[in-house]
């Protein structure tokens, strides 16, 4: 008798291992991530908002995420104001529309596929990064031109509406993420209510370990402010607004890749 133990041939073993690998990848792709420390990600999104909104306001006199300001500019358009921003109401209207469409899209899509699933988070952030990249390319190639932080398109004034729409759309992904991850207190896009919540917090002066929501609110404010400062200075460099957008895109894509290695729940 032969001394060999009965078993499957080597090539059959290789074939049987492939479905197992596919199953492991599928399981990893669809598993829920642990959101315990995901507030750090939300703070990075505040930084990203500051970067994008500061350079957008310089270039187009409108915001991409802070739609309260856009609503005021839209209202001023009825009296042909503000004087220094002709047709500013059009840009604000496009930004509001893009943001609303983005909110509808991200909210429904993430709920349908599992808001805290690893694959859902990666695709969401990768798509947001892609929209920023497209806007950056439009600026980098002078399809939409800026000079000294201000937008000018000469014979193509409507082209600036394209990056505004794209950037406002992806901005909705930031606030959607903070909501879906369960950190409503972190200001993904707006600060007015957050300032009130900080000031009216009865435990405002408690120790750092005793009031995490206050810490997150204040951290969000600081990160957004830092992003605005950095975005403002970078928009004055040779790279201009395009450089700011490339950094913002890299940040969002980096967050997306990070979800692939995030601790599972």
C-alpha atoms as a PDB file:
ATOM      1  CA  UNK A   1       0.000   0.000   0.000  1.00  0.00           C
ATOM      2  CA  UNK A   2       1.080   3.533  -0.655  1.00  0.00           C
ATOM      3  CA  UNK A   3       2.227   5.665   2.290  1.00  0.00           C
ATOM      4  CA  UNK A   4       0.377   8.752   0.955  1.00  0.00           C
ATOM      5  CA  UNK A   5      -2.692   9.937   2.826  1.00  0.00           C
ATOM      6  CA  UNK A   6      -5.854  10.268   0.765  1.00  0.00           C
ATOM      7  CA  UNK A   7      -6.983  13.807   0.075  1.00  0.00           C
ATOM      8  CA  UNK A   8      -7.818  16.348  -2.573  1.00  0.00           C
ATOM      9  CA  UNK A   9      -5.280  17.060  -5.323  1.00  0.00           C
ATOM     10  CA  UNK A  10      -3.260  20.238  -4.887  1.00  0.00           C
ATOM     11  CA  UNK A  11      -5.084  22.075  -7.691  1.00  0.00           C
ATOM     12  CA  UNK A  12      -8.459  21.257  -6.121  1.00  0.00           C
ATOM     13  CA  UNK A  13      -7.265  22.646  -2.795  1.00  0.00           C
ATOM     14  CA  UNK A  14      -6.315  25.901  -4.537  1.00  0.00           C
ATOM     15  CA  UNK A  15      -9.742  26.126  -6.168  1.00  0.00           C
ATOM     16  CA  UNK A  16     -11.547  25.427  -2.896  1.00  0.00           C
ATOM     17  CA  UNK A  17      -9.578  28.186  -1.154  1.00  0.00           C
ATOM     18  CA  UNK A  18     -10.654  30.866  -3.663  1.00  0.00           C
ATOM     19  CA  UNK A  19     -14.332  30.937  -2.597  1.00  0.00           C
ATOM     20  CA  UNK A  20     -13.152  31.216   0.988  1.00  0.00           C
ATOM     21  CA  UNK A  21     -11.031  34.268   0.174  1.00  0.00           C
ATOM     22  CA  UNK A  22     -13.919  35.875  -1.713  1.00  0.00           C
ATOM     23  CA  UNK A  23     -16.198  35.201   1.247  1.00  0.00           C
ATOM     24  CA  UNK A  24     -13.675  36.777   3.623  1.00  0.00           C
ATOM     25  CA  UNK A  25     -13.393  39.887   1.437  1.00  0.00           C
ATOM     26  CA  UNK A  26     -17.161  40.167   1.149  1.00  0.00           C
ATOM     27  CA  UNK A  27     -17.534  39.796   4.902  1.00  0.00           C
ATOM     28  CA  UNK A  28     -14.888  42.438   5.554  1.00  0.00           C
ATOM     29  CA  UNK A  29     -16.439  44.789   2.994  1.00  0.00           C
ATOM     30  CA  UNK A  30     -19.892  44.579   4.578  1.00  0.00           C
ATOM     31  CA  UNK A  31     -18.940  44.506   8.255  1.00  0.00           C
ATOM     32  CA  UNK A  32     -19.883  47.386  10.522  1.00  0.00           C
ATOM     33  CA  UNK A  33     -17.059  49.545  11.830  1.00  0.00           C
ATOM     34  CA  UNK A  34     -16.569  50.536  15.447  1.00  0.00           C
ATOM     35  CA  UNK A  35     -17.642  54.173  15.866  1.00  0.00           C
ATOM     36  CA  UNK A  36     -16.107  54.645  19.324  1.00  0.00           C
ATOM     37  CA  UNK A  37     -13.285  56.845  18.039  1.00  0.00           C
ATOM     38  CA  UNK A  38     -14.921  57.935  14.787  1.00  0.00           C
ATOM     39  CA  UNK A  39     -15.400  61.434  16.222  1.00  0.00           C
ATOM     40  CA  UNK A  40     -11.760  62.037  15.203  1.00  0.00           C
ATOM     41  CA  UNK A  41     -12.822  61.506  11.601  1.00  0.00           C
ATOM     42  CA  UNK A  42     -15.671  63.984  12.002  1.00  0.00           C
ATOM     43  CA  UNK A  43     -13.225  66.591  13.301  1.00  0.00           C
ATOM     44  CA  UNK A  44     -11.139  66.115  10.156  1.00  0.00           C
ATOM     45  CA  UNK A  45     -14.275  66.778   8.132  1.00  0.00           C
ATOM     46  CA  UNK A  46     -14.613  70.119   9.923  1.00  0.00           C
ATOM     47  CA  UNK A  47     -11.068  70.935   8.831  1.00  0.00           C
ATOM     48  CA  UNK A  48     -12.021  70.003   5.277  1.00  0.00           C
ATOM     49  CA  UNK A  49     -15.082  72.269   5.401  1.00  0.00           C
ATOM     50  CA  UNK A  50     -12.925  75.183   6.520  1.00  0.00           C
ATOM     51  CA  UNK A  51     -10.463  74.587   3.695  1.00  0.00           C
ATOM     52  CA  UNK A  52     -13.090  74.464   0.955  1.00  0.00           C
ATOM     53  CA  UNK A  53     -15.410  77.197   2.191  1.00  0.00           C
ATOM     54  CA  UNK A  54     -12.666  79.752   2.815  1.00  0.00           C
ATOM     55  CA  UNK A  55     -11.239  79.555  -0.708  1.00  0.00           C
ATOM     56  CA  UNK A  56     -14.718  79.340  -2.267  1.00  0.00           C
ATOM     57  CA  UNK A  57     -15.843  82.506  -0.517  1.00  0.00           C
ATOM     58  CA  UNK A  58     -12.702  84.290  -1.723  1.00  0.00           C
ATOM     59  CA  UNK A  59     -13.222  83.148  -5.280  1.00  0.00           C
ATOM     60  CA  UNK A  60     -16.989  83.207  -5.719  1.00  0.00           C
ATOM     61  CA  UNK A  61     -18.464  85.081  -2.724  1.00  0.00           C
ATOM     62  CA  UNK A  62     -20.512  82.023  -1.812  1.00  0.00           C
ATOM     63  CA  UNK A  63     -20.176  79.046   0.483  1.00  0.00           C
ATOM     64  CA  UNK A  64     -20.100  75.368  -0.332  1.00  0.00           C
ATOM     65  CA  UNK A  65     -21.261  73.923   2.975  1.00  0.00           C
ATOM     66  CA  UNK A  66     -22.553  76.811   5.104  1.00  0.00           C
ATOM     67  CA  UNK A  67     -25.909  77.279   3.442  1.00  0.00           C
ATOM     68  CA  UNK A  68     -27.148  79.894   5.922  1.00  0.00           C
ATOM     69  CA  UNK A  69     -24.779  82.431   4.370  1.00  0.00           C
ATOM     70  CA  UNK A  70     -25.865  81.392   0.879  1.00  0.00           C
ATOM     71  CA  UNK A  71     -29.511  81.899   1.817  1.00  0.00           C
ATOM     72  CA  UNK A  72     -28.750  85.475   2.934  1.00  0.00           C
ATOM     73  CA  UNK A  73     -26.866  86.186  -0.303  1.00  0.00           C
ATOM     74  CA  UNK A  74     -29.760  84.679  -2.256  1.00  0.00           C
ATOM     75  CA  UNK A  75     -32.145  87.049  -0.473  1.00  0.00           C
ATOM     76  CA  UNK A  76     -29.896  90.039  -1.139  1.00  0.00           C
ATOM     77  CA  UNK A  77     -30.070  89.222  -4.831  1.00  0.00           C
ATOM     78  CA  UNK A  78     -33.645  90.537  -4.877  1.00  0.00           C
ATOM     79  CA  UNK A  79     -32.225  94.035  -4.344  1.00  0.00           C
ATOM     80  CA  UNK A  80     -29.225  93.492  -6.661  1.00  0.00           C
ATOM     81  CA  UNK A  81     -26.830  93.127  -3.744  1.00  0.00           C
ATOM     82  CA  UNK A  82     -24.201  92.581  -2.480  1.00  0.00           C
ATOM     83  CA  UNK A  83     -22.617  95.296  -4.621  1.00  0.00           C
ATOM     84  CA  UNK A  84     -19.186  93.660  -4.730  1.00  0.00           C
ATOM     85  CA  UNK A  85     -20.514  90.327  -5.947  1.00  0.00           C
ATOM     86  CA  UNK A  86     -22.607  90.691  -9.109  1.00  0.00           C
ATOM     87  CA  UNK A  87     -24.849  87.676  -9.683  1.00  0.00           C
ATOM     88  CA  UNK A  88     -23.712  86.276  -6.350  1.00  0.00           C
ATOM     89  CA  UNK A  89     -27.250  85.061  -5.754  1.00  0.00           C
ATOM     90  CA  UNK A  90     -26.944  82.729  -8.750  1.00  0.00           C
ATOM     91  CA  UNK A  91     -23.845  81.058  -7.316  1.00  0.00           C
ATOM     92  CA  UNK A  92     -25.493  80.813  -3.902  1.00  0.00           C
ATOM     93  CA  UNK A  93     -28.608  79.284  -5.425  1.00  0.00           C
ATOM     94  CA  UNK A  94     -26.546  76.692  -7.296  1.00  0.00           C
ATOM     95  CA  UNK A  95     -24.645  75.876  -4.097  1.00  0.00           C
ATOM     96  CA  UNK A  96     -27.874  75.416  -2.131  1.00  0.00           C
ATOM     97  CA  UNK A  97     -29.339  73.214  -4.863  1.00  0.00           C
ATOM     98  CA  UNK A  98     -26.153  71.131  -5.092  1.00  0.00           C
ATOM     99  CA  UNK A  99     -26.047  70.696  -1.328  1.00  0.00           C
ATOM    100  CA  UNK A 100     -29.701  69.628  -1.143  1.00  0.00           C
ATOM    101  CA  UNK A 101     -29.225  67.136  -3.957  1.00  0.00           C
ATOM    102  CA  UNK A 102     -26.119  65.798  -2.227  1.00  0.00           C
ATOM    103  CA  UNK A 103     -27.983  65.470   1.079  1.00  0.00           C
ATOM    104  CA  UNK A 104     -30.777  63.514  -0.593  1.00  0.00           C
ATOM    105  CA  UNK A 105     -28.306  61.267  -2.403  1.00  0.00           C
ATOM    106  CA  UNK A 106     -25.937  60.517   0.461  1.00  0.00           C
ATOM    107  CA  UNK A 107     -28.676  60.066   3.068  1.00  0.00           C
ATOM    108  CA  UNK A 108     -30.697  57.607   1.017  1.00  0.00           C
ATOM    109  CA  UNK A 109     -27.729  55.748  -0.422  1.00  0.00           C
ATOM    110  CA  UNK A 110     -25.939  55.206   2.882  1.00  0.00           C
ATOM    111  CA  UNK A 111     -29.140  54.109   4.636  1.00  0.00           C
ATOM    112  CA  UNK A 112     -29.888  51.642   1.863  1.00  0.00           C
ATOM    113  CA  UNK A 113     -26.456  50.002   1.984  1.00  0.00           C
ATOM    114  CA  UNK A 114     -25.656  50.379   5.678  1.00  0.00           C
ATOM    115  CA  UNK A 115     -24.388  53.745   6.880  1.00  0.00           C
ATOM    116  CA  UNK A 116     -21.634  52.331   9.100  1.00  0.00           C
ATOM    117  CA  UNK A 117     -20.494  49.512   6.849  1.00  0.00           C
ATOM    118  CA  UNK A 118     -16.874  49.563   5.810  1.00  0.00           C
ATOM    119  CA  UNK A 119     -17.561  49.421   2.072  1.00  0.00           C
ATOM    120  CA  UNK A 120     -20.301  52.043   2.210  1.00  0.00           C
ATOM    121  CA  UNK A 121     -18.042  54.501   4.024  1.00  0.00           C
ATOM    122  CA  UNK A 122     -15.156  53.919   1.635  1.00  0.00           C
ATOM    123  CA  UNK A 123     -17.278  54.413  -1.492  1.00  0.00           C
ATOM    124  CA  UNK A 124     -18.933  57.510  -0.011  1.00  0.00           C
ATOM    125  CA  UNK A 125     -15.646  59.233   0.795  1.00  0.00           C
ATOM    126  CA  UNK A 126     -13.951  58.110  -2.418  1.00  0.00           C
ATOM    127  CA  UNK A 127     -16.844  59.605  -4.396  1.00  0.00           C
ATOM    128  CA  UNK A 128     -16.641  62.856  -2.437  1.00  0.00           C
ATOM    129  CA  UNK A 129     -12.906  63.001  -3.142  1.00  0.00           C
ATOM    130  CA  UNK A 130     -13.545  62.386  -6.848  1.00  0.00           C
ATOM    131  CA  UNK A 131     -15.910  65.363  -7.069  1.00  0.00           C
ATOM    132  CA  UNK A 132     -13.295  67.592  -5.443  1.00  0.00           C
ATOM    133  CA  UNK A 133     -10.658  66.291  -7.877  1.00  0.00           C
ATOM    134  CA  UNK A 134     -12.866  67.181 -10.855  1.00  0.00           C
ATOM    135  CA  UNK A 135     -13.315  70.707  -9.488  1.00  0.00           C
ATOM    136  CA  UNK A 136      -9.559  70.995  -8.878  1.00  0.00           C
ATOM    137  CA  UNK A 137      -8.819  69.925 -12.450  1.00  0.00           C
ATOM    138  CA  UNK A 138     -11.210  72.569 -13.816  1.00  0.00           C
ATOM    139  CA  UNK A 139      -9.247  75.198 -11.898  1.00  0.00           C
ATOM    140  CA  UNK A 140      -5.809  73.704 -12.565  1.00  0.00           C
ATOM    141  CA  UNK A 141      -6.395  73.686 -16.319  1.00  0.00           C
ATOM    142  CA  UNK A 142      -7.855  77.235 -16.304  1.00  0.00           C
ATOM    143  CA  UNK A 143     -11.221  76.074 -17.585  1.00  0.00           C
ATOM    144  CA  UNK A 144     -12.458  78.014 -14.567  1.00  0.00           C
ATOM    145  CA  UNK A 145      -9.926  80.710 -13.785  1.00  0.00           C
ATOM    146  CA  UNK A 146      -9.044  82.441 -10.537  1.00  0.00           C
ATOM    147  CA  UNK A 147      -6.636  85.268  -9.881  1.00  0.00           C
ATOM    148  CA  UNK A 148      -5.551  86.522  -6.466  1.00  0.00           C
ATOM    149  CA  UNK A 149      -8.234  84.391  -4.919  1.00  0.00           C
ATOM    150  CA  UNK A 150     -11.012  85.924  -7.038  1.00  0.00           C
ATOM    151  CA  UNK A 151     -12.797  84.092  -9.799  1.00  0.00           C
ATOM    152  CA  UNK A 152     -12.859  85.469 -13.294  1.00  0.00           C
ATOM    153  CA  UNK A 153     -14.072  83.628 -16.367  1.00  0.00           C
ATOM    154  CA  UNK A 154     -14.105  86.448 -18.929  1.00  0.00           C
ATOM    155  CA  UNK A 155     -16.327  85.104 -21.696  1.00  0.00           C
ATOM    156  CA  UNK A 156     -17.279  82.011 -19.684  1.00  0.00           C
ATOM    157  CA  UNK A 157     -18.982  83.377 -16.544  1.00  0.00           C
ATOM    158  CA  UNK A 158     -21.284  80.405 -16.043  1.00  0.00           C
ATOM    159  CA  UNK A 159     -18.472  77.845 -15.893  1.00  0.00           C
ATOM    160  CA  UNK A 160     -17.795  78.630 -12.240  1.00  0.00           C
ATOM    161  CA  UNK A 161     -21.199  77.129 -11.447  1.00  0.00           C
ATOM    162  CA  UNK A 162     -19.866  73.657 -12.317  1.00  0.00           C
ATOM    163  CA  UNK A 163     -17.244  73.392  -9.535  1.00  0.00           C
ATOM    164  CA  UNK A 164     -19.617  75.154  -7.121  1.00  0.00           C
ATOM    165  CA  UNK A 165     -22.288  72.508  -7.751  1.00  0.00           C
ATOM    166  CA  UNK A 166     -19.802  69.631  -7.441  1.00  0.00           C
ATOM    167  CA  UNK A 167     -18.220  70.952  -4.258  1.00  0.00           C
ATOM    168  CA  UNK A 168     -21.550  71.770  -2.612  1.00  0.00           C
ATOM    169  CA  UNK A 169     -22.815  68.284  -3.484  1.00  0.00           C
ATOM    170  CA  UNK A 170     -19.852  66.589  -1.812  1.00  0.00           C
ATOM    171  CA  UNK A 171     -20.094  68.896   1.211  1.00  0.00           C
ATOM    172  CA  UNK A 172     -23.398  67.242   2.047  1.00  0.00           C
ATOM    173  CA  UNK A 173     -21.468  63.999   2.452  1.00  0.00           C
ATOM    174  CA  UNK A 174     -19.627  65.472   5.433  1.00  0.00           C
ATOM    175  CA  UNK A 175     -22.695  66.300   7.481  1.00  0.00           C
ATOM    176  CA  UNK A 176     -24.295  63.024   6.429  1.00  0.00           C
ATOM    177  CA  UNK A 177     -21.300  61.155   7.841  1.00  0.00           C
ATOM    178  CA  UNK A 178     -21.372  62.960  11.197  1.00  0.00           C
ATOM    179  CA  UNK A 179     -25.093  62.198  11.498  1.00  0.00           C
ATOM    180  CA  UNK A 180     -24.820  58.558  10.471  1.00  0.00           C
ATOM    181  CA  UNK A 181     -21.851  57.945  12.764  1.00  0.00           C
ATOM    182  CA  UNK A 182     -23.842  59.382  15.673  1.00  0.00           C
ATOM    183  CA  UNK A 183     -21.935  62.613  16.370  1.00  0.00           C
ATOM    184  CA  UNK A 184     -24.615  65.249  15.829  1.00  0.00           C
ATOM    185  CA  UNK A 185     -22.831  67.660  18.144  1.00  0.00           C
ATOM    186  CA  UNK A 186     -19.844  67.996  15.803  1.00  0.00           C
ATOM    187  CA  UNK A 187     -20.346  70.929  13.397  1.00  0.00           C
ATOM    188  CA  UNK A 188     -19.867  69.347  10.005  1.00  0.00           C
ATOM    189  CA  UNK A 189     -20.987  72.484   8.175  1.00  0.00           C
ATOM    190  CA  UNK A 190     -22.518  75.149  10.429  1.00  0.00           C
ATOM    191  CA  UNK A 191     -21.488  76.764  13.718  1.00  0.00           C
ATOM    192  CA  UNK A 192     -24.304  79.026  14.952  1.00  0.00           C
ATOM    193  CA  UNK A 193     -26.194  76.343  16.868  1.00  0.00           C
ATOM    194  CA  UNK A 194     -22.897  74.871  18.053  1.00  0.00           C
ATOM    195  CA  UNK A 195     -21.818  78.210  19.547  1.00  0.00           C
ATOM    196  CA  UNK A 196     -25.120  78.340  21.403  1.00  0.00           C
ATOM    197  CA  UNK A 197     -24.786  74.748  22.621  1.00  0.00           C
ATOM    198  CA  UNK A 198     -21.289  75.481  23.922  1.00  0.00           C
ATOM    199  CA  UNK A 199     -22.268  78.686  25.698  1.00  0.00           C
ATOM    200  CA  UNK A 200     -25.464  77.254  27.212  1.00  0.00           C
ATOM    201  CA  UNK A 201     -23.921  73.968  28.340  1.00  0.00           C
ATOM    202  CA  UNK A 202     -24.379  73.758  32.160  1.00  0.00           C
ATOM    203  CA  UNK A 203     -21.270  71.555  32.307  1.00  0.00           C
ATOM    204  CA  UNK A 204     -19.188  73.936  30.201  1.00  0.00           C
ATOM    205  CA  UNK A 205     -16.393  74.193  32.765  1.00  0.00           C
ATOM    206  CA  UNK A 206     -16.277  70.526  33.747  1.00  0.00           C
ATOM    207  CA  UNK A 207     -13.056  68.544  33.266  1.00  0.00           C
ATOM    208  CA  UNK A 208     -12.083  67.211  29.868  1.00  0.00           C
ATOM    209  CA  UNK A 209     -13.087  63.648  30.715  1.00  0.00           C
ATOM    210  CA  UNK A 210     -16.512  64.617  32.058  1.00  0.00           C
ATOM    211  CA  UNK A 211     -18.016  66.398  29.052  1.00  0.00           C
ATOM    212  CA  UNK A 212     -17.162  64.714  25.765  1.00  0.00           C
ATOM    213  CA  UNK A 213     -19.906  66.448  23.767  1.00  0.00           C
ATOM    214  CA  UNK A 214     -18.535  69.863  24.729  1.00  0.00           C
ATOM    215  CA  UNK A 215     -15.051  68.679  23.756  1.00  0.00           C
ATOM    216  CA  UNK A 216     -16.310  67.574  20.349  1.00  0.00           C
ATOM    217  CA  UNK A 217     -18.180  70.827  19.728  1.00  0.00           C
ATOM    218  CA  UNK A 218     -15.188  72.951  20.633  1.00  0.00           C
ATOM    219  CA  UNK A 219     -12.864  70.693  18.685  1.00  0.00           C
ATOM    220  CA  UNK A 220     -15.064  71.057  15.612  1.00  0.00           C
ATOM    221  CA  UNK A 221     -15.032  74.847  15.892  1.00  0.00           C
ATOM    222  CA  UNK A 222     -11.249  74.905  16.234  1.00  0.00           C
ATOM    223  CA  UNK A 223     -10.701  72.518  13.321  1.00  0.00           C
ATOM    224  CA  UNK A 224     -13.030  74.474  11.049  1.00  0.00           C
ATOM    225  CA  UNK A 225     -11.254  77.703  11.980  1.00  0.00           C
ATOM    226  CA  UNK A 226      -7.851  76.151  11.317  1.00  0.00           C
ATOM    227  CA  UNK A 227      -9.084  74.909   7.953  1.00  0.00           C
ATOM    228  CA  UNK A 228     -10.315  78.405   7.052  1.00  0.00           C
ATOM    229  CA  UNK A 229      -6.995  79.966   8.045  1.00  0.00           C
ATOM    230  CA  UNK A 230      -4.940  77.422   6.111  1.00  0.00           C
ATOM    231  CA  UNK A 231      -7.262  77.612   3.096  1.00  0.00           C
ATOM    232  CA  UNK A 232      -7.024  81.401   3.068  1.00  0.00           C
ATOM    233  CA  UNK A 233      -3.247  81.455   3.112  1.00  0.00           C
ATOM    234  CA  UNK A 234      -2.898  78.675   0.538  1.00  0.00           C
ATOM    235  CA  UNK A 235      -5.300  80.425  -1.835  1.00  0.00           C
ATOM    236  CA  UNK A 236      -2.840  83.331  -1.902  1.00  0.00           C
ATOM    237  CA  UNK A 237       0.018  81.112  -3.075  1.00  0.00           C
ATOM    238  CA  UNK A 238       0.904  80.285  -6.665  1.00  0.00           C
ATOM    239  CA  UNK A 239      -1.114  77.073  -6.435  1.00  0.00           C
ATOM    240  CA  UNK A 240      -4.198  79.084  -5.491  1.00  0.00           C
ATOM    241  CA  UNK A 241      -7.572  77.518  -5.002  1.00  0.00           C
ATOM    242  CA  UNK A 242      -6.627  74.418  -6.983  1.00  0.00           C
ATOM    243  CA  UNK A 243      -3.953  73.569  -4.408  1.00  0.00           C
ATOM    244  CA  UNK A 244      -6.479  73.866  -1.587  1.00  0.00           C
ATOM    245  CA  UNK A 245      -8.862  71.537  -3.391  1.00  0.00           C
ATOM    246  CA  UNK A 246      -6.153  68.953  -4.059  1.00  0.00           C
ATOM    247  CA  UNK A 247      -5.384  68.901  -0.337  1.00  0.00           C
ATOM    248  CA  UNK A 248      -9.084  68.603   0.497  1.00  0.00           C
ATOM    249  CA  UNK A 249      -9.466  65.717  -1.972  1.00  0.00           C
ATOM    250  CA  UNK A 250      -6.435  63.910  -0.545  1.00  0.00           C
ATOM    251  CA  UNK A 251      -7.837  64.331   2.949  1.00  0.00           C
ATOM    252  CA  UNK A 252     -11.217  62.851   2.033  1.00  0.00           C
ATOM    253  CA  UNK A 253      -9.717  59.975   0.071  1.00  0.00           C
ATOM    254  CA  UNK A 254      -7.338  59.281   2.947  1.00  0.00           C
ATOM    255  CA  UNK A 255     -10.316  59.065   5.299  1.00  0.00           C
ATOM    256  CA  UNK A 256     -11.993  56.675   2.873  1.00  0.00           C
ATOM    257  CA  UNK A 257      -8.954  54.390   2.787  1.00  0.00           C
ATOM    258  CA  UNK A 258      -8.765  54.599   6.566  1.00  0.00           C
ATOM    259  CA  UNK A 259     -12.213  53.029   6.846  1.00  0.00           C
ATOM    260  CA  UNK A 260     -10.882  49.917   5.110  1.00  0.00           C
ATOM    261  CA  UNK A 261      -8.567  49.321   8.073  1.00  0.00           C
ATOM    262  CA  UNK A 262     -10.840  50.628  10.820  1.00  0.00           C
ATOM    263  CA  UNK A 263     -11.579  48.377  13.792  1.00  0.00           C
ATOM    264  CA  UNK A 264     -14.794  46.365  13.266  1.00  0.00           C
ATOM    265  CA  UNK A 265     -17.659  46.682  15.713  1.00  0.00           C
END
